[in-house]
């Protein structure tokens, strides 16, 4: 899945990602940055992620500017 960082609080590690394909918001998992190249996230940053068993975003990787089937994107 690919999306953009909607919000991120570096103090608490809480964050929200908006998914490209369904425009849904997903919370970041507590360990989302562990093992990734990211030390911090910024609003609007494109990332690729997977959902854990609890439906939270984890396994973050760099996103692409290529459209990933965003609804209404031409």
N, C-alpha and C. Protein backbone atom coordinates (compact mmCIF):
# COMPACT_ATOMS: atom_id res chain seq x y z
N UNK A 1 0.85 -1.17 0.00
CA UNK A 1 0.00 0.00 0.00
C UNK A 1 0.89 1.23 0.00
N UNK A 2 0.39 2.29 -0.61
CA UNK A 2 1.12 3.54 -0.63
C UNK A 2 0.22 4.67 -0.16
N UNK A 3 0.82 5.66 0.47
CA UNK A 3 0.05 6.80 0.93
C UNK A 3 0.96 7.94 1.33
N UNK A 4 0.38 8.91 2.02
CA UNK A 4 1.13 10.07 2.49
C UNK A 4 0.94 10.23 3.99
N UNK A 5 1.96 10.79 4.61
CA UNK A 5 1.87 11.08 6.05
C UNK A 5 0.89 12.24 6.21
N UNK A 6 -0.17 12.00 6.93
CA UNK A 6 -1.17 13.03 7.21
C UNK A 6 -0.77 13.84 8.43
N UNK A 7 -0.27 13.15 9.43
CA UNK A 7 0.23 13.81 10.64
C UNK A 7 1.24 12.90 11.32
N UNK A 8 2.16 13.52 12.06
CA UNK A 8 3.16 12.75 12.81
C UNK A 8 3.67 13.60 13.96
N UNK A 9 3.69 13.02 15.15
CA UNK A 9 4.21 13.68 16.34
C UNK A 9 5.48 12.95 16.77
N UNK A 10 6.65 13.55 16.54
CA UNK A 10 7.90 12.87 16.88
C UNK A 10 8.07 12.61 18.37
N UNK A 11 7.43 13.38 19.20
CA UNK A 11 7.55 13.18 20.65
C UNK A 11 6.91 11.87 21.10
N UNK A 12 5.72 11.60 20.58
CA UNK A 12 5.00 10.40 20.99
C UNK A 12 5.14 9.25 20.00
N UNK A 13 5.51 9.58 18.75
CA UNK A 13 5.58 8.55 17.71
C UNK A 13 4.24 8.26 17.07
N UNK A 14 3.20 9.00 17.50
CA UNK A 14 1.87 8.82 16.92
C UNK A 14 1.80 9.46 15.54
N UNK A 15 1.11 8.80 14.64
CA UNK A 15 0.97 9.36 13.31
C UNK A 15 -0.17 8.73 12.56
N UNK A 16 -0.55 9.37 11.45
CA UNK A 16 -1.65 8.89 10.61
C UNK A 16 -1.18 8.95 9.16
N UNK A 17 -1.49 7.89 8.42
CA UNK A 17 -1.19 7.81 7.00
C UNK A 17 -2.51 7.77 6.24
N UNK A 18 -2.61 8.55 5.16
CA UNK A 18 -3.78 8.47 4.28
C UNK A 18 -3.38 7.62 3.08
N UNK A 19 -4.11 6.55 2.87
CA UNK A 19 -3.83 5.58 1.81
C UNK A 19 -4.29 6.10 0.45
N UNK A 20 -3.45 5.90 -0.58
CA UNK A 20 -3.79 6.34 -1.94
C UNK A 20 -5.01 5.62 -2.52
N UNK A 21 -5.10 4.32 -2.31
CA UNK A 21 -6.12 3.54 -3.00
C UNK A 21 -7.54 3.72 -2.49
N UNK A 22 -7.71 3.88 -1.19
CA UNK A 22 -9.07 3.99 -0.65
C UNK A 22 -9.29 5.28 0.15
N UNK A 23 -8.25 6.13 0.20
CA UNK A 23 -8.30 7.41 0.92
C UNK A 23 -8.60 7.25 2.41
N UNK A 24 -8.43 6.04 2.94
CA UNK A 24 -8.66 5.77 4.36
C UNK A 24 -7.45 6.21 5.17
N UNK A 25 -7.67 6.52 6.44
CA UNK A 25 -6.61 6.88 7.36
C UNK A 25 -6.22 5.66 8.19
N UNK A 26 -4.91 5.47 8.34
CA UNK A 26 -4.39 4.36 9.14
C UNK A 26 -3.42 4.91 10.16
N UNK A 27 -3.56 4.49 11.41
CA UNK A 27 -2.63 4.88 12.47
C UNK A 27 -1.31 4.15 12.27
N UNK A 28 -0.23 4.79 12.70
CA UNK A 28 1.07 4.14 12.68
C UNK A 28 1.15 3.15 13.83
N UNK A 29 1.75 1.99 13.57
CA UNK A 29 2.02 1.04 14.64
C UNK A 29 3.13 1.61 15.52
N UNK A 30 3.17 1.22 16.77
CA UNK A 30 4.16 1.73 17.71
C UNK A 30 5.59 1.50 17.23
N UNK A 31 5.81 0.41 16.51
CA UNK A 31 7.16 0.07 16.03
C UNK A 31 7.35 0.36 14.54
N UNK A 32 6.54 1.24 13.98
CA UNK A 32 6.54 1.49 12.54
C UNK A 32 7.88 1.95 11.99
N UNK A 33 8.66 2.69 12.77
CA UNK A 33 9.94 3.20 12.29
C UNK A 33 11.11 2.25 12.56
N UNK A 34 10.89 1.25 13.40
CA UNK A 34 11.96 0.31 13.73
C UNK A 34 12.34 -0.50 12.49
N UNK A 35 13.63 -0.53 12.19
CA UNK A 35 14.12 -1.29 11.05
C UNK A 35 13.92 -0.59 9.71
N UNK A 36 13.36 0.61 9.73
CA UNK A 36 13.17 1.35 8.48
C UNK A 36 14.29 2.37 8.32
N UNK A 37 14.34 3.02 7.17
CA UNK A 37 15.35 4.05 6.95
C UNK A 37 14.97 5.37 7.61
N UNK A 38 13.75 5.46 8.11
CA UNK A 38 13.25 6.71 8.67
C UNK A 38 13.60 6.86 10.14
N UNK A 39 14.03 8.06 10.51
CA UNK A 39 14.19 8.42 11.91
C UNK A 39 13.03 9.31 12.33
N UNK A 40 12.47 9.99 11.33
CA UNK A 40 11.37 10.92 11.54
C UNK A 40 10.55 10.98 10.26
N UNK A 41 9.30 11.40 10.37
CA UNK A 41 8.42 11.54 9.21
C UNK A 41 7.93 12.97 9.13
N UNK A 42 7.61 13.42 7.94
CA UNK A 42 7.07 14.77 7.77
C UNK A 42 5.73 14.69 7.05
N UNK A 43 4.87 15.62 7.35
CA UNK A 43 3.55 15.68 6.73
C UNK A 43 3.72 15.80 5.21
N UNK A 44 2.94 15.01 4.47
CA UNK A 44 2.98 15.02 3.01
C UNK A 44 4.01 14.07 2.41
N UNK A 45 4.82 13.44 3.24
CA UNK A 45 5.84 12.51 2.75
C UNK A 45 5.17 11.25 2.21
N UNK A 46 5.61 10.79 1.02
CA UNK A 46 5.05 9.59 0.41
C UNK A 46 5.78 8.37 0.94
N UNK A 47 5.02 7.36 1.35
CA UNK A 47 5.60 6.13 1.87
C UNK A 47 4.81 4.92 1.36
N UNK A 48 5.49 3.80 1.39
CA UNK A 48 4.87 2.50 1.14
C UNK A 48 4.81 1.81 2.49
N UNK A 49 3.72 1.11 2.77
CA UNK A 49 3.55 0.48 4.08
C UNK A 49 2.71 -0.78 3.95
N UNK A 50 2.70 -1.58 4.99
CA UNK A 50 1.81 -2.72 5.10
C UNK A 50 1.01 -2.54 6.39
N UNK A 51 -0.10 -3.23 6.47
CA UNK A 51 -0.91 -3.19 7.69
C UNK A 51 -0.61 -4.40 8.55
N UNK A 52 -0.48 -4.17 9.85
CA UNK A 52 -0.27 -5.29 10.76
C UNK A 52 -1.62 -5.94 11.08
N UNK A 53 -1.62 -6.93 11.95
CA UNK A 53 -2.83 -7.66 12.29
C UNK A 53 -3.91 -6.78 12.92
N UNK A 54 -3.50 -5.65 13.49
CA UNK A 54 -4.45 -4.73 14.13
C UNK A 54 -4.88 -3.59 13.21
N UNK A 55 -4.45 -3.65 11.93
CA UNK A 55 -4.84 -2.62 10.96
C UNK A 55 -4.06 -1.32 11.09
N UNK A 56 -2.86 -1.40 11.68
CA UNK A 56 -2.00 -0.22 11.80
C UNK A 56 -0.86 -0.30 10.79
N UNK A 57 -0.41 0.86 10.32
CA UNK A 57 0.65 0.92 9.31
C UNK A 57 2.00 0.59 9.92
N UNK A 58 2.76 -0.26 9.23
CA UNK A 58 4.08 -0.65 9.69
C UNK A 58 4.95 -0.98 8.47
N UNK A 59 6.20 -1.37 8.71
CA UNK A 59 7.15 -1.72 7.63
C UNK A 59 7.24 -0.61 6.59
N UNK A 60 7.53 0.60 7.03
CA UNK A 60 7.57 1.77 6.16
C UNK A 60 8.78 1.75 5.23
N UNK A 61 8.53 2.14 3.97
CA UNK A 61 9.57 2.30 2.97
C UNK A 61 9.30 3.57 2.19
N UNK A 62 10.28 4.03 1.43
CA UNK A 62 10.10 5.23 0.62
C UNK A 62 9.00 5.01 -0.41
N UNK A 63 8.14 6.01 -0.56
CA UNK A 63 7.07 5.94 -1.54
C UNK A 63 7.53 6.43 -2.90
N UNK A 64 6.65 6.32 -3.86
CA UNK A 64 6.93 6.71 -5.23
C UNK A 64 5.96 7.79 -5.67
N UNK A 65 6.38 8.63 -6.59
CA UNK A 65 5.48 9.64 -7.14
C UNK A 65 4.56 9.02 -8.20
N UNK A 66 4.77 7.77 -8.55
CA UNK A 66 3.90 7.09 -9.50
C UNK A 66 2.55 6.83 -8.84
N UNK A 67 1.47 7.12 -9.57
CA UNK A 67 0.13 6.92 -9.02
C UNK A 67 -0.10 5.43 -8.73
N UNK A 68 -0.61 5.14 -7.56
CA UNK A 68 -0.90 3.77 -7.15
C UNK A 68 -2.40 3.54 -7.12
N UNK A 69 -3.08 3.94 -8.18
CA UNK A 69 -4.54 3.75 -8.36
C UNK A 69 -5.35 4.65 -7.43
N UNK A 70 -4.91 5.91 -7.30
CA UNK A 70 -5.64 6.89 -6.50
C UNK A 70 -6.98 7.19 -7.17
N UNK A 71 -8.08 7.08 -6.45
CA UNK A 71 -9.39 7.36 -7.06
C UNK A 71 -9.44 8.79 -7.61
N UNK A 72 -9.91 8.93 -8.85
CA UNK A 72 -10.10 10.23 -9.45
C UNK A 72 -8.83 10.86 -9.98
N UNK A 73 -7.71 10.17 -9.89
CA UNK A 73 -6.44 10.71 -10.39
C UNK A 73 -6.33 10.42 -11.88
N UNK A 74 -6.04 11.44 -12.66
CA UNK A 74 -5.91 11.27 -14.11
C UNK A 74 -4.48 11.38 -14.51
